[in-house]
PDB file of N, CA and C in Angstrom:
ATOM      1  N   MET A   1     141.071  35.177 176.326  1.00  0.00           N
ATOM      2  CA  MET A   1     140.224  36.366 176.406  1.00  0.00           C
ATOM      3  C   MET A   1     138.648  36.685 175.827  1.00  0.00           C
ATOM      4  N   LEU A   2     138.575  35.198 175.289  1.00  0.00           N
ATOM      5  CA  LEU A   2     137.329  34.713 174.215  1.00  0.00           C
ATOM      6  C   LEU A   2     136.430  34.422 175.666  1.00  0.00           C
ATOM      7  N   CYS A   3     137.344  33.574 176.674  1.00  0.00           N
ATOM      8  CA  CYS A   3     136.780  33.208 178.219  1.00  0.00           C
ATOM      9  C   CYS A   3     135.545  34.399 178.903  1.00  0.00           C
ATOM     10  N   TRP A   4     136.179  35.665 179.028  1.00  0.00           N
ATOM     11  CA  TRP A   4     135.713  36.325 179.175  1.00  0.00           C
ATOM     12  C   TRP A   4     134.280  36.576 178.952  1.00  0.00           C
ATOM     13  N   LYS A   5     134.234  36.923 177.314  1.00  0.00           N
ATOM     14  CA  LYS A   5     133.331  37.050 176.271  1.00  0.00           C
ATOM     15  C   LYS A   5     131.464  36.881 176.203  1.00  0.00           C
ATOM     16  N   LYS A   6     132.169  35.521 176.341  1.00  0.00           N
ATOM     17  CA  LYS A   6     131.119  34.520 176.937  1.00  0.00           C
ATOM     18  C   LYS A   6     129.751  34.607 177.638  1.00  0.00           C
ATOM     19  N   PRO A   7     130.796  34.770 178.869  1.00  0.00           N
ATOM     20  CA  PRO A   7     129.346  34.874 180.195  1.00  0.00           C
ATOM     21  C   PRO A   7     128.751  36.055 179.676  1.00  0.00           C
ATOM     22  N   SER A   8     129.627  37.456 179.217  1.00  0.00           N
ATOM     23  CA  SER A   8     128.321  38.587 178.405  1.00  0.00           C
ATOM     24  C   SER A   8     127.890  38.169 177.622  1.00  0.00           C
ATOM     25  N   LEU A   9     127.963  37.405 176.629  1.00  0.00           N
ATOM     26  CA  LEU A   9     127.228  37.102 175.529  1.00  0.00           C
ATOM     27  C   LEU A   9     125.535  36.297 176.009  1.00  0.00           C
ATOM     28  N   VAL A  10     126.117  35.117 177.050  1.00  0.00           N
ATOM     29  CA  VAL A  10     124.605  34.451 177.549  1.00  0.00           C
ATOM     30  C   VAL A  10     123.849  35.071 178.678  1.00  0.00           C
ATOM     31  N   ARG A  11     124.601  36.391 179.018  1.00  0.00           N
ATOM     32  CA  ARG A  11     123.410  37.239 180.350  1.00  0.00           C
ATOM     33  C   ARG A  11     122.876  37.769 179.236  1.00  0.00           C
ATOM     34  N   CYS A  12     123.265  38.522 178.466  1.00  0.00           N
ATOM     35  CA  CYS A  12     122.603  38.940 176.697  1.00  0.00           C
ATOM     36  C   CYS A  12     121.642  38.426 176.330  1.00  0.00           C
ATOM     37  N   TYR A  13     122.362  37.146 176.198  1.00  0.00           N
ATOM     38  CA  TYR A  13     121.092  36.171 175.634  1.00  0.00           C
ATOM     39  C   TYR A  13     119.779  35.870 176.379  1.00  0.00           C
ATOM     40  N   PHE A  14     120.182  35.659 177.404  1.00  0.00           N
ATOM     41  CA  PHE A  14     119.603  35.166 178.701  1.00  0.00           C
ATOM     42  C   PHE A  14     118.167  36.034 178.741  1.00  0.00           C
ATOM     43  N   CYS A  15     118.633  37.525 178.827  1.00  0.00           N
ATOM     44  CA  CYS A  15     118.216  38.830 179.277  1.00  0.00           C
ATOM     45  C   CYS A  15     116.952  39.159 178.011  1.00  0.00           C
ATOM     46  N   THR A  16     117.282  39.142 176.999  1.00  0.00           N
ATOM     47  CA  THR A  16     117.372  39.665 175.836  1.00  0.00           C
ATOM     48  C   THR A  16     115.512  38.512 175.105  1.00  0.00           C
ATOM     49  N   CYS A  17     115.932  37.016 175.535  1.00  0.00           N
ATOM     50  CA  CYS A  17     115.357  36.288 175.573  1.00  0.00           C
ATOM     51  C   CYS A  17     114.428  36.015 176.853  1.00  0.00           C
ATOM     52  N   ARG A  18     114.297  36.686 178.051  1.00  0.00           N
ATOM     53  CA  ARG A  18     113.777  36.495 178.893  1.00  0.00           C
ATOM     54  C   ARG A  18     112.530  37.852 179.246  1.00  0.00           C
ATOM     55  N   ARG A  19     112.950  38.588 178.658  1.00  0.00           N
ATOM     56  CA  ARG A  19     111.791  39.728 178.179  1.00  0.00           C
ATOM     57  C   ARG A  19     111.176  39.703 176.786  1.00  0.00           C
ATOM     58  N   SER A  20     111.748  38.656 175.493  1.00  0.00           N
ATOM     59  CA  SER A  20     111.058  38.075 174.234  1.00  0.00           C
ATOM     60  C   SER A  20     110.466  37.057 174.716  1.00  0.00           C
ATOM     61  N   PHE A  21     110.399  36.187 175.289  1.00  0.00           N
ATOM     62  CA  PHE A  21     109.459  35.501 175.948  1.00  0.00           C
ATOM     63  C   PHE A  21     108.069  35.976 175.788  1.00  0.00           C
ATOM     64  N   PRO A  22     107.358  36.064 177.413  1.00  0.00           N
ATOM     65  CA  PRO A  22     106.221  36.546 177.257  1.00  0.00           C
ATOM     66  C   PRO A  22     105.040  37.715 176.295  1.00  0.00           C
ATOM     67  N   SER A  23     105.827  38.405 175.710  1.00  0.00           N
ATOM     68  CA  SER A  23     105.418  38.774 174.620  1.00  0.00           C
ATOM     69  C   SER A  23     105.633  38.553 173.199  1.00  0.00           C
ATOM     70  N   GLU A  24     106.083  38.085 172.862  1.00  0.00           N
ATOM     71  CA  GLU A  24     105.587  36.893 172.091  1.00  0.00           C
ATOM     72  C   GLU A  24     104.616  35.780 172.182  1.00  0.00           C
ATOM     73  N   SER A  25     104.795  35.196 173.319  1.00  0.00           N
ATOM     74  CA  SER A  25     103.369  34.425 173.497  1.00  0.00           C
ATOM     75  C   SER A  25     101.863  35.173 173.750  1.00  0.00           C
ATOM     76  N   GLU A  26     102.403  36.432 174.305  1.00  0.00           N
ATOM     77  CA  GLU A  26     100.960  36.806 174.193  1.00  0.00           C
ATOM     78  C   GLU A  26     100.743  37.839 172.840  1.00  0.00           C
ATOM     79  N   ALA A  27     101.536  38.168 171.770  1.00  0.00           N
ATOM     80  CA  ALA A  27     101.062  38.115 170.410  1.00  0.00           C
ATOM     81  C   ALA A  27     100.530  37.117 169.641  1.00  0.00           C
ATOM     82  N   VAL A  28     100.874  36.100 170.212  1.00  0.00           N
ATOM     83  CA  VAL A  28     100.250  34.910 169.409  1.00  0.00           C
ATOM     84  C   VAL A  28      98.795  34.880 169.425  1.00  0.00           C
ATOM     85  N   ALA A  29      98.367  34.829 170.451  1.00  0.00           N
ATOM     86  CA  ALA A  29      97.287  34.918 171.264  1.00  0.00           C
ATOM     87  C   ALA A  29      96.508  36.174 170.506  1.00  0.00           C
ATOM     88  N   THR A  30      97.033  37.268 170.981  1.00  0.00           N
ATOM     89  CA  THR A  30      96.342  38.309 170.263  1.00  0.00           C
ATOM     90  C   THR A  30      96.216  38.373 168.452  1.00  0.00           C
ATOM     91  N   ALA A  31      97.198  37.903 167.894  1.00  0.00           N
ATOM     92  CA  ALA A  31      97.162  37.501 166.158  1.00  0.00           C
ATOM     93  C   ALA A  31      96.358  36.335 165.698  1.00  0.00           C
ATOM     94  N   ILE A  32      96.284  35.343 166.639  1.00  0.00           N
ATOM     95  CA  ILE A  32      94.821  34.498 166.264  1.00  0.00           C
ATOM     96  C   ILE A  32      93.698  35.141 166.434  1.00  0.00           C
ATOM     97  N   PHE A  33      93.393  36.106 167.575  1.00  0.00           N
ATOM     98  CA  PHE A  33      92.371  36.189 168.067  1.00  0.00           C
ATOM     99  C   PHE A  33      91.431  37.431 166.796  1.00  0.00           C
ATOM    100  N   GLN A  34      92.885  38.149 166.574  1.00  0.00           N
ATOM    101  CA  GLN A  34      92.829  39.181 164.996  1.00  0.00           C
ATOM    102  C   GLN A  34      92.492  39.000 163.822  1.00  0.00           C
ATOM    103  N   SER A  35      93.177  37.016 163.825  1.00  0.00           N
ATOM    104  CA  SER A  35      92.440  36.686 162.348  1.00  0.00           C
ATOM    105  C   SER A  35      91.472  36.200 162.082  1.00  0.00           C
ATOM    106  N   SER A  36      90.770  35.626 160.816  1.00  0.00           N
ATOM    107  CA  SER A  36      89.149  35.808 160.604  1.00  0.00           C
ATOM    108  C   SER A  36      89.637  33.854 160.913  1.00  0.00           C
ATOM    109  N   TRP A  37      89.503  33.737 161.913  1.00  0.00           N
ATOM    110  CA  TRP A  37      89.428  31.913 162.529  1.00  0.00           C
ATOM    111  C   TRP A  37      87.574  31.834 162.348  1.00  0.00           C
ATOM    112  N   TYR A  38      87.188  32.531 162.657  1.00  0.00           N
ATOM    113  CA  TYR A  38      85.853  32.303 161.897  1.00  0.00           C
ATOM    114  C   TYR A  38      85.085  31.941 160.970  1.00  0.00           C
ATOM    115  N   ALA A  39      86.157  32.179 159.559  1.00  0.00           N
ATOM    116  CA  ALA A  39      85.900  31.567 158.158  1.00  0.00           C
ATOM    117  C   ALA A  39      86.895  30.508 158.323  1.00  0.00           C
ATOM    118  N   ARG A  40      86.949  29.724 159.555  1.00  0.00           N
ATOM    119  CA  ARG A  40      88.266  28.282 159.021  1.00  0.00           C
ATOM    120  C   ARG A  40      87.327  27.875 159.006  1.00  0.00           C
ATOM    121  N   SER A  41      88.049  26.299 158.739  1.00  0.00           N
ATOM    122  CA  SER A  41      86.806  25.148 159.541  1.00  0.00           C
ATOM    123  C   SER A  41      86.931  24.770 160.548  1.00  0.00           C
ATOM    124  N   ASN A  42      85.502  23.729 160.804  1.00  0.00           N
ATOM    125  CA  ASN A  42      85.972  23.820 162.648  1.00  0.00           C
ATOM    126  C   ASN A  42      86.917  22.781 163.113  1.00  0.00           C
ATOM    127  N   GLN A  43      87.964  22.140 162.234  1.00  0.00           N
ATOM    128  CA  GLN A  43      89.049  21.199 162.841  1.00  0.00           C
ATOM    129  C   GLN A  43      89.880  23.022 163.292  1.00  0.00           C
ATOM    130  N   GLN A  44      90.197  23.771 162.301  1.00  0.00           N
ATOM    131  CA  GLN A  44      91.049  24.635 162.646  1.00  0.00           C
ATOM    132  C   GLN A  44      90.699  25.846 163.287  1.00  0.00           C
ATOM    133  N   GLN A  45      89.622  25.855 163.693  1.00  0.00           N
ATOM    134  CA  GLN A  45      89.496  26.905 164.268  1.00  0.00           C
ATOM    135  C   GLN A  45      89.282  26.020 166.182  1.00  0.00           C
ATOM    136  N   ARG A  46      89.166  24.874 166.080  1.00  0.00           N
ATOM    137  CA  ARG A  46      89.677  24.075 167.317  1.00  0.00           C
ATOM    138  C   ARG A  46      91.206  23.646 167.604  1.00  0.00           C
ATOM    139  N   ASP A  47      91.853  23.215 166.678  1.00  0.00           N
ATOM    140  CA  ASP A  47      93.219  23.332 166.484  1.00  0.00           C
ATOM    141  C   ASP A  47      93.922  24.989 167.189  1.00  0.00           C
ATOM    142  N   LEU A  48      92.646  26.081 166.461  1.00  0.00           N
ATOM    143  CA  LEU A  48      93.551  27.282 167.083  1.00  0.00           C
ATOM    144  C   LEU A  48      93.084  27.983 168.708  1.00  0.00           C
ATOM    145  N   SER A  49      91.755  27.292 168.989  1.00  0.00           N
ATOM    146  CA  SER A  49      91.791  27.443 170.457  1.00  0.00           C
ATOM    147  C   SER A  49      92.718  27.203 170.858  1.00  0.00           C
ATOM    148  N   PHE A  50      93.294  25.757 170.684  1.00  0.00           N
ATOM    149  CA  PHE A  50      93.987  24.937 171.590  1.00  0.00           C
ATOM    150  C   PHE A  50      95.340  25.633 171.748  1.00  0.00           C
ATOM    151  N   VAL A  51      95.982  26.653 170.850  1.00  0.00           N
ATOM    152  CA  VAL A  51      96.992  27.240 170.404  1.00  0.00           C
ATOM    153  C   VAL A  51      97.142  28.583 171.625  1.00  0.00           C
ATOM    154  N   MET A  52      95.293  29.296 170.852  1.00  0.00           N
ATOM    155  CA  MET A  52      95.424  30.150 171.815  1.00  0.00           C
ATOM    156  C   MET A  52      95.665  29.995 173.663  1.00  0.00           C
ATOM    157  N   ALA A  53      94.468  29.120 173.506  1.00  0.00           N
ATOM    158  CA  ALA A  53      94.882  28.458 175.270  1.00  0.00           C
ATOM    159  C   ALA A  53      95.897  28.582 176.108  1.00  0.00           C
ATOM    160  N   ARG A  54      96.898  28.148 175.343  1.00  0.00           N
ATOM    161  CA  ARG A  54      98.222  27.643 175.587  1.00  0.00           C
ATOM    162  C   ARG A  54      98.789  29.170 175.357  1.00  0.00           C
ATOM    163  N   ALA A  55      98.768  29.910 174.686  1.00  0.00           N
ATOM    164  CA  ALA A  55      99.621  30.833 174.283  1.00  0.00           C
ATOM    165  C   ALA A  55      99.338  32.283 175.613  1.00  0.00           C
ATOM    166  N   GLN A  56      98.440  31.627 176.108  1.00  0.00           N
ATOM    167  CA  GLN A  56      97.710  32.620 177.445  1.00  0.00           C
ATOM    168  C   GLN A  56      98.494  32.649 178.419  1.00  0.00           C
ATOM    169  N   ARG A  57      99.211  30.970 179.115  1.00  0.00           N
ATOM    170  CA  ARG A  57      99.877  30.347 179.980  1.00  0.00           C
ATOM    171  C   ARG A  57     101.172  31.345 179.513  1.00  0.00           C
ATOM    172  N   PRO A  58     101.839  31.765 180.472  1.00  0.00           N
ATOM    173  CA  PRO A  58     103.351  32.175 180.779  1.00  0.00           C
ATOM    174  C   PRO A  58     104.395  31.675 180.073  1.00  0.00           C
ATOM    175  N   VAL A  59     105.318  31.946 179.327  1.00  0.00           N
ATOM    176  CA  VAL A  59     106.456  30.987 179.114  1.00  0.00           C
ATOM    177  C   VAL A  59     107.561  31.048 179.822  1.00  0.00           C
ATOM    178  N   LYS A  60     107.671  29.837 180.381  1.00  0.00           N
ATOM    179  CA  LYS A  60     109.007  30.083 181.650  1.00  0.00           C
ATOM    180  C   LYS A  60     110.129  28.871 180.941  1.00  0.00           C
ATOM    181  N   LEU A  61     111.242  29.716 181.539  1.00  0.00           N
ATOM    182  CA  LEU A  61     112.542  29.348 180.767  1.00  0.00           C
ATOM    183  C   LEU A  61     112.931  28.167 182.361  1.00  0.00           C
ATOM    184  N   THR A  62     113.235  26.782 182.089  1.00  0.00           N
ATOM    185  CA  THR A  62     113.221  25.520 183.132  1.00  0.00           C
ATOM    186  C   THR A  62     114.531  25.679 182.864  1.00  0.00           C
ATOM    187  N   ALA A  63     115.744  24.648 183.763  1.00  0.00           N
ATOM    188  CA  ALA A  63     116.917  24.050 183.808  1.00  0.00           C
ATOM    189  C   ALA A  63     116.548  22.835 184.302  1.00  0.00           C
ATOM    190  N   ALA A  64     116.846  21.941 183.362  1.00  0.00           N
ATOM    191  CA  ALA A  64     116.595  20.594 183.606  1.00  0.00           C
ATOM    192  C   ALA A  64     115.054  20.367 183.603  1.00  0.00           C
ATOM    193  N   LYS A  65     114.102  21.054 183.835  1.00  0.00           N
ATOM    194  CA  LYS A  65     113.260  20.703 184.422  1.00  0.00           C
ATOM    195  C   LYS A  65     112.703  20.868 186.076  1.00  0.00           C
ATOM    196  N   LEU A  66     113.801  21.290 186.576  1.00  0.00           N
ATOM    197  CA  LEU A  66     114.322  21.119 187.870  1.00  0.00           C
ATOM    198  C   LEU A  66     113.573  22.537 188.997  1.00  0.00           C
ATOM    199  N   PHE A  67     114.039  23.332 188.083  1.00  0.00           N
ATOM    200  CA  PHE A  67     113.957  25.224 188.642  1.00  0.00           C
ATOM    201  C   PHE A  67     113.194  25.853 187.615  1.00  0.00           C
ATOM    202  N   ILE A  68     112.379  27.057 187.583  1.00  0.00           N
ATOM    203  CA  ILE A  68     112.442  28.104 186.999  1.00  0.00           C
ATOM    204  C   ILE A  68     113.296  29.115 186.947  1.00  0.00           C
ATOM    205  N   VAL A  69     114.027  29.628 185.876  1.00  0.00           N
ATOM    206  CA  VAL A  69     115.174  30.467 185.961  1.00  0.00           C
ATOM    207  C   VAL A  69     114.742  31.591 185.891  1.00  0.00           C
ATOM    208  N   THR A  70     114.984  32.544 186.826  1.00  0.00           N
ATOM    209  CA  THR A  70     114.551  34.181 186.756  1.00  0.00           C
ATOM    210  C   THR A  70     115.830  34.410 186.677  1.00  0.00           C
ATOM    211  N   ARG A  71     116.395  35.749 186.750  1.00  0.00           N
ATOM    212  CA  ARG A  71     117.455  36.628 186.536  1.00  0.00           C
ATOM    213  C   ARG A  71     118.066  36.563 187.577  1.00  0.00           C
ATOM    214  N   ILE A  72     118.040  36.370 188.960  1.00  0.00           N
ATOM    215  CA  ILE A  72     118.456  36.516 190.229  1.00  0.00           C
ATOM    216  C   ILE A  72     119.133  34.387 190.567  1.00  0.00           C
ATOM    217  N   SER A  73     118.493  33.514 189.817  1.00  0.00           N
ATOM    218  CA  SER A  73     118.863  32.127 190.194  1.00  0.00           C
ATOM    219  C   SER A  73     119.880  32.199 188.958  1.00  0.00           C
ATOM    220  N   PHE A  74     119.679  32.800 187.780  1.00  0.00           N
ATOM    221  CA  PHE A  74     120.727  32.763 187.032  1.00  0.00           C
ATOM    222  C   PHE A  74     122.160  33.355 187.088  1.00  0.00           C
ATOM    223  N   THR A  75     122.021  34.432 187.959  1.00  0.00           N
ATOM    224  CA  THR A  75     123.192  35.133 188.192  1.00  0.00           C
ATOM    225  C   THR A  75     124.137  34.272 189.466  1.00  0.00           C
ATOM    226  N   GLN A  76     123.147  33.862 190.071  1.00  0.00           N
ATOM    227  CA  GLN A  76     123.663  32.695 191.047  1.00  0.00           C
ATOM    228  C   GLN A  76     124.218  31.728 190.949  1.00  0.00           C
ATOM    229  N   VAL A  77     123.658  31.103 189.567  1.00  0.00           N
ATOM    230  CA  VAL A  77     124.856  29.925 188.957  1.00  0.00           C
ATOM    231  C   VAL A  77     125.988  30.755 188.794  1.00  0.00           C
ATOM    232  N   LEU A  78     125.812  31.475 187.932  1.00  0.00           N
ATOM    233  CA  LEU A  78     127.279  32.140 187.186  1.00  0.00           C
ATOM    234  C   LEU A  78     128.017  32.401 188.111  1.00  0.00           C
ATOM    235  N   LYS A  79     127.954  32.497 189.593  1.00  0.00           N
ATOM    236  CA  LYS A  79     128.614  32.976 190.387  1.00  0.00           C
ATOM    237  C   LYS A  79     129.458  31.884 191.123  1.00  0.00           C
ATOM    238  N   GLN A  80     128.563  31.060 191.668  1.00  0.00           N
ATOM    239  CA  GLN A  80     128.850  29.710 191.635  1.00  0.00           C
ATOM    240  C   GLN A  80     129.908  28.980 191.077  1.00  0.00           C
ATOM    241  N   ALA A  81     129.591  29.345 189.673  1.00  0.00           N
ATOM    242  CA  ALA A  81     130.238  28.311 188.510  1.00  0.00           C
ATOM    243  C   ALA A  81     131.714  29.409 188.314  1.00  0.00           C
ATOM    244  N   TYR A  82     132.094  30.501 188.429  1.00  0.00           N
ATOM    245  CA  TYR A  82     132.709  31.092 188.441  1.00  0.00           C
ATOM    246  C   TYR A  82     133.934  31.119 189.766  1.00  0.00           C
ATOM    247  N   THR A  83     133.061  30.529 190.668  1.00  0.00           N
ATOM    248  CA  THR A  83     133.814  30.465 192.455  1.00  0.00           C
ATOM    249  C   THR A  83     134.575  29.483 191.973  1.00  0.00           C
ATOM    250  N   ILE A  84     133.639  28.175 191.820  1.00  0.00           N
ATOM    251  CA  ILE A  84     134.102  27.139 191.663  1.00  0.00           C
ATOM    252  C   ILE A  84     135.758  27.017 190.114  1.00  0.00           C
ATOM    253  N   PHE A  85     135.374  27.264 189.297  1.00  0.00           N
ATOM    254  CA  PHE A  85     136.180  27.928 188.579  1.00  0.00           C
ATOM    255  C   PHE A  85     137.603  28.146 188.974  1.00  0.00           C
ATOM    256  N   THR A  86     137.536  29.191 190.006  1.00  0.00           N
ATOM    257  CA  THR A  86     139.028  29.983 190.593  1.00  0.00           C
ATOM    258  C   THR A  86     139.211  29.132 191.424  1.00  0.00           C
ATOM    259  N   LEU A  87     138.515  28.139 192.342  1.00  0.00           N
ATOM    260  CA  LEU A  87     138.853  27.268 193.088  1.00  0.00           C
ATOM    261  C   LEU A  87     139.531  26.296 192.688  1.00  0.00           C
ATOM    262  N   MET A  88     139.404  26.126 191.251  1.00  0.00           N
ATOM    263  CA  MET A  88     139.849  24.829 190.601  1.00  0.00           C
ATOM    264  C   MET A  88     141.693  25.441 189.591  1.00  0.00           C
ATOM    265  N   SER A  89     141.095  26.456 189.610  1.00  0.00           N
ATOM    266  CA  SER A  89     142.405  26.605 188.781  1.00  0.00           C
ATOM    267  C   SER A  89     143.806  27.366 189.731  1.00  0.00           C
ATOM    268  N   GLN A  90     143.168  28.005 191.152  1.00  0.00           N
ATOM    269  CA  GLN A  90     143.920  27.735 191.831  1.00  0.00           C
ATOM    270  C   GLN A  90     144.128  26.547 192.932  1.00  0.00           C
ATOM    271  N   PHE A  91     144.254  25.384 193.002  1.00  0.00           N
ATOM    272  CA  PHE A  91     144.768  24.139 193.030  1.00  0.00           C
ATOM    273  C   PHE A  91     145.448  23.610 192.421  1.00  0.00           C
ATOM    274  N   LEU A  92     144.940  23.728 190.545  1.00  0.00           N
ATOM    275  CA  LEU A  92     145.909  23.687 189.852  1.00  0.00           C
ATOM    276  C   LEU A  92     147.311  24.447 189.573  1.00  0.00           C
ATOM    277  N   ASP A  93     147.234  25.341 189.918  1.00  0.00           N
ATOM    278  CA  ASP A  93     148.703  26.179 190.047  1.00  0.00           C
ATOM    279  C   ASP A  93     149.655  25.733 191.441  1.00  0.00           C
ATOM    280  N   ASP A  94     148.522  25.781 192.463  1.00  0.00           N
ATOM    281  CA  ASP A  94     149.373  25.071 193.399  1.00  0.00           C
ATOM    282  C   ASP A  94     149.940  23.850 193.261  1.00  0.00           C
ATOM    283  N   ALA A  95     149.566  22.535 192.638  1.00  0.00           N
ATOM    284  CA  ALA A  95     149.262  21.228 192.370  1.00  0.00           C
ATOM    285  C   ALA A  95     151.037  21.327 191.196  1.00  0.00           C
ATOM    286  N   ILE A  96     151.366  22.202 190.083  1.00  0.00           N
ATOM    287  CA  ILE A  96     152.093  22.541 189.593  1.00  0.00           C
ATOM    288  C   ILE A  96     153.426  22.829 189.975  1.00  0.00           C
ATOM    289  N   ASN A  97     152.981  23.820 191.034  1.00  0.00           N
ATOM    290  CA  ASN A  97     154.501  24.897 191.686  1.00  0.00           C
ATOM    291  C   ASN A  97     154.410  24.090 192.432  1.00  0.00           C
TER     292      ASN A  97
END
């Protein structure tokens, strides 16, 4: 029964992270901009400008740096994995019987 719950948990985690990545990234840039960055030392101002520049680029979830994981590609991978699992379990059942 636990096997059936795990894909749902993974899917929920993925959807939650997918929605929160871009918004958290924007929040970092906004927080730096609204802080008193101008009262900091020159080195800290430069460091904060690099962090702000990085935070303005969207965060992308990748799979082994091969492709960007979207909801569509994630569901395709899950479907394919389930298909392979089903085929393997059928072959094992046939081999045992």
